[in-house]
Amino acid sequence: MRGRPPIGYFSGVRRLLLLVTVLAAASGCGKTMTEEDCRKVGDNMRSIWLAEAKKATPPGGPASEKAPAVIRSEADKVGADWAVECKKELEGRRVDGKEMECLLKATTIAEIHKCSEL
């Protein structure tokens, strides 16, 4: 079908999103990453995931009834995966304040990628 992402697209994007975010946040120094910071970034990643997935989901069709539940489920996984990685890899460590600010202001996956370039 035209306009549909390939099978496995969303899980690959989810892994990429997590990897880029962890690498971006871990690469600098400036402030200590707290549990609250992890939660805020995770909440933003979840919101970004929902918005990006909604854009990629074709309207109508028999799968459209299931799509919102699947998208929310994947968004929840993004948030949960981030929380685990953040706690394990970043909480209590120094991170770049500019990158944190960037991650919290990001509204797309592309903007998250740009945060790692700061």
Protein backbone atom coordinates (compact mmCIF):
# COMPACT_ATOMS: atom_id res chain seq x y z
CA MET A 1 0.00 0.00 0.00
CA ARG A 2 1.21 3.47 -0.79
CA GLY A 3 1.88 5.80 2.09
CA ARG A 4 2.14 3.06 4.68
CA PRO A 5 5.36 2.59 6.63
CA PRO A 6 7.02 -0.81 6.23
CA ILE A 7 6.48 -3.53 8.82
CA GLY A 8 8.78 -2.97 11.76
CA TYR A 9 9.14 0.75 11.00
CA PHE A 10 7.78 1.93 14.32
CA SER A 11 9.84 -0.42 16.47
CA GLY A 12 12.97 0.64 14.58
CA VAL A 13 12.12 4.31 15.01
CA ARG A 14 11.45 3.70 18.71
CA ARG A 15 14.88 2.12 19.19
CA LEU A 16 16.55 4.92 17.24
CA LEU A 17 14.72 7.55 19.26
CA LEU A 18 15.91 6.00 22.52
CA LEU A 19 19.49 5.57 21.34
CA VAL A 20 19.83 9.12 20.04
CA THR A 21 18.31 10.56 23.19
CA VAL A 22 20.53 8.57 25.55
CA LEU A 23 23.65 9.44 23.56
CA ALA A 24 22.70 13.10 23.36
CA ALA A 25 21.98 13.42 27.05
CA ALA A 26 25.04 11.43 28.13
CA SER A 27 27.56 13.27 26.01
CA GLY A 28 28.04 16.44 27.99
CA CYS A 29 28.33 17.99 31.38
CA GLY A 30 26.51 20.88 32.96
CA LYS A 31 23.73 19.59 35.20
CA THR A 32 22.98 16.43 37.10
CA MET A 33 20.24 14.32 35.57
CA THR A 34 17.45 13.75 38.07
CA GLU A 35 14.52 11.35 38.18
CA GLU A 36 12.29 14.33 37.36
CA ASP A 37 14.44 15.15 34.30
CA CYS A 38 14.13 11.55 33.15
CA ARG A 39 10.36 11.75 33.55
CA LYS A 40 10.09 15.04 31.65
CA VAL A 41 12.18 13.81 28.72
CA GLY A 42 10.25 10.53 28.71
CA ASP A 43 6.92 12.37 28.65
CA ASN A 44 8.12 14.51 25.75
CA MET A 45 9.39 11.47 23.85
CA ARG A 46 6.00 9.81 24.33
CA SER A 47 4.24 12.90 22.96
CA ILE A 48 6.60 13.06 19.99
CA TRP A 49 6.08 9.37 19.30
CA LEU A 50 2.28 9.80 19.33
CA ALA A 51 2.44 12.77 16.96
CA GLU A 52 4.87 11.10 14.53
CA ALA A 53 2.96 7.81 14.52
CA LYS A 54 -0.33 9.59 13.95
CA LYS A 55 1.14 11.35 10.90
CA ALA A 56 2.35 8.03 9.46
CA THR A 57 -0.94 6.18 10.02
CA PRO A 58 -3.16 6.12 6.94
CA PRO A 59 -6.76 7.18 7.58
CA GLY A 60 -9.64 4.76 7.07
CA GLY A 61 -9.48 1.07 6.32
CA PRO A 62 -10.11 -1.93 8.56
CA ALA A 63 -6.98 -1.41 10.64
CA SER A 64 -7.97 2.14 11.56
CA GLU A 65 -10.01 0.90 14.52
CA LYS A 66 -6.99 -0.84 16.03
CA ALA A 67 -4.40 1.77 15.09
CA PRO A 68 -4.99 4.23 17.98
CA ALA A 69 -4.59 1.48 20.59
CA VAL A 70 -1.43 0.16 18.93
CA ILE A 71 0.02 3.66 18.65
CA ARG A 72 -0.71 4.42 22.32
CA SER A 73 0.81 1.09 23.32
CA GLU A 74 4.00 1.82 21.38
CA ALA A 75 4.13 5.33 22.86
CA ASP A 76 3.87 3.83 26.34
CA LYS A 77 6.76 1.50 25.47
CA VAL A 78 8.86 4.46 24.35
CA GLY A 79 8.25 6.17 27.68
CA ALA A 80 8.88 3.01 29.70
CA ASP A 81 12.04 2.11 27.75
CA TRP A 82 13.35 5.63 28.21
CA ALA A 83 12.66 5.51 31.97
CA VAL A 84 14.65 2.27 32.33
CA GLU A 85 17.58 3.51 30.23
CA CYS A 86 17.63 6.93 31.86
CA LYS A 87 17.66 5.50 35.37
CA LYS A 88 20.37 3.00 34.46
CA GLU A 89 22.59 5.24 32.30
CA LEU A 90 21.94 8.88 33.18
CA GLU A 91 20.27 9.52 36.52
CA GLY A 92 22.75 11.12 38.92
CA ARG A 93 25.26 11.86 36.14
CA ARG A 94 26.24 15.16 34.60
CA VAL A 95 24.58 16.03 31.30
CA ASP A 96 24.77 19.00 28.95
CA GLY A 97 22.13 21.56 29.95
CA LYS A 98 21.74 22.78 26.36
CA GLU A 99 21.03 19.27 25.13
CA MET A 100 18.52 18.70 27.94
CA GLU A 101 16.75 21.92 27.04
CA CYS A 102 16.75 20.88 23.40
CA LEU A 103 15.31 17.44 24.21
CA LEU A 104 12.55 19.01 26.29
CA LYS A 105 11.64 21.51 23.56
CA ALA A 106 11.80 19.01 20.68
CA THR A 107 8.51 18.33 18.92
CA THR A 108 9.68 15.87 16.24
CA ILE A 109 12.10 12.97 15.93
CA ALA A 110 14.19 15.12 13.58
CA GLU A 111 14.53 17.76 16.30
CA ILE A 112 15.67 15.10 18.77
CA HIS A 113 18.35 14.06 16.27
CA LYS A 114 19.50 17.71 16.07
CA CYS A 115 19.85 17.81 19.86
CA SER A 116 22.67 15.27 19.62
CA GLU A 117 24.58 17.68 17.38
CA LEU A 118 24.79 20.45 19.99
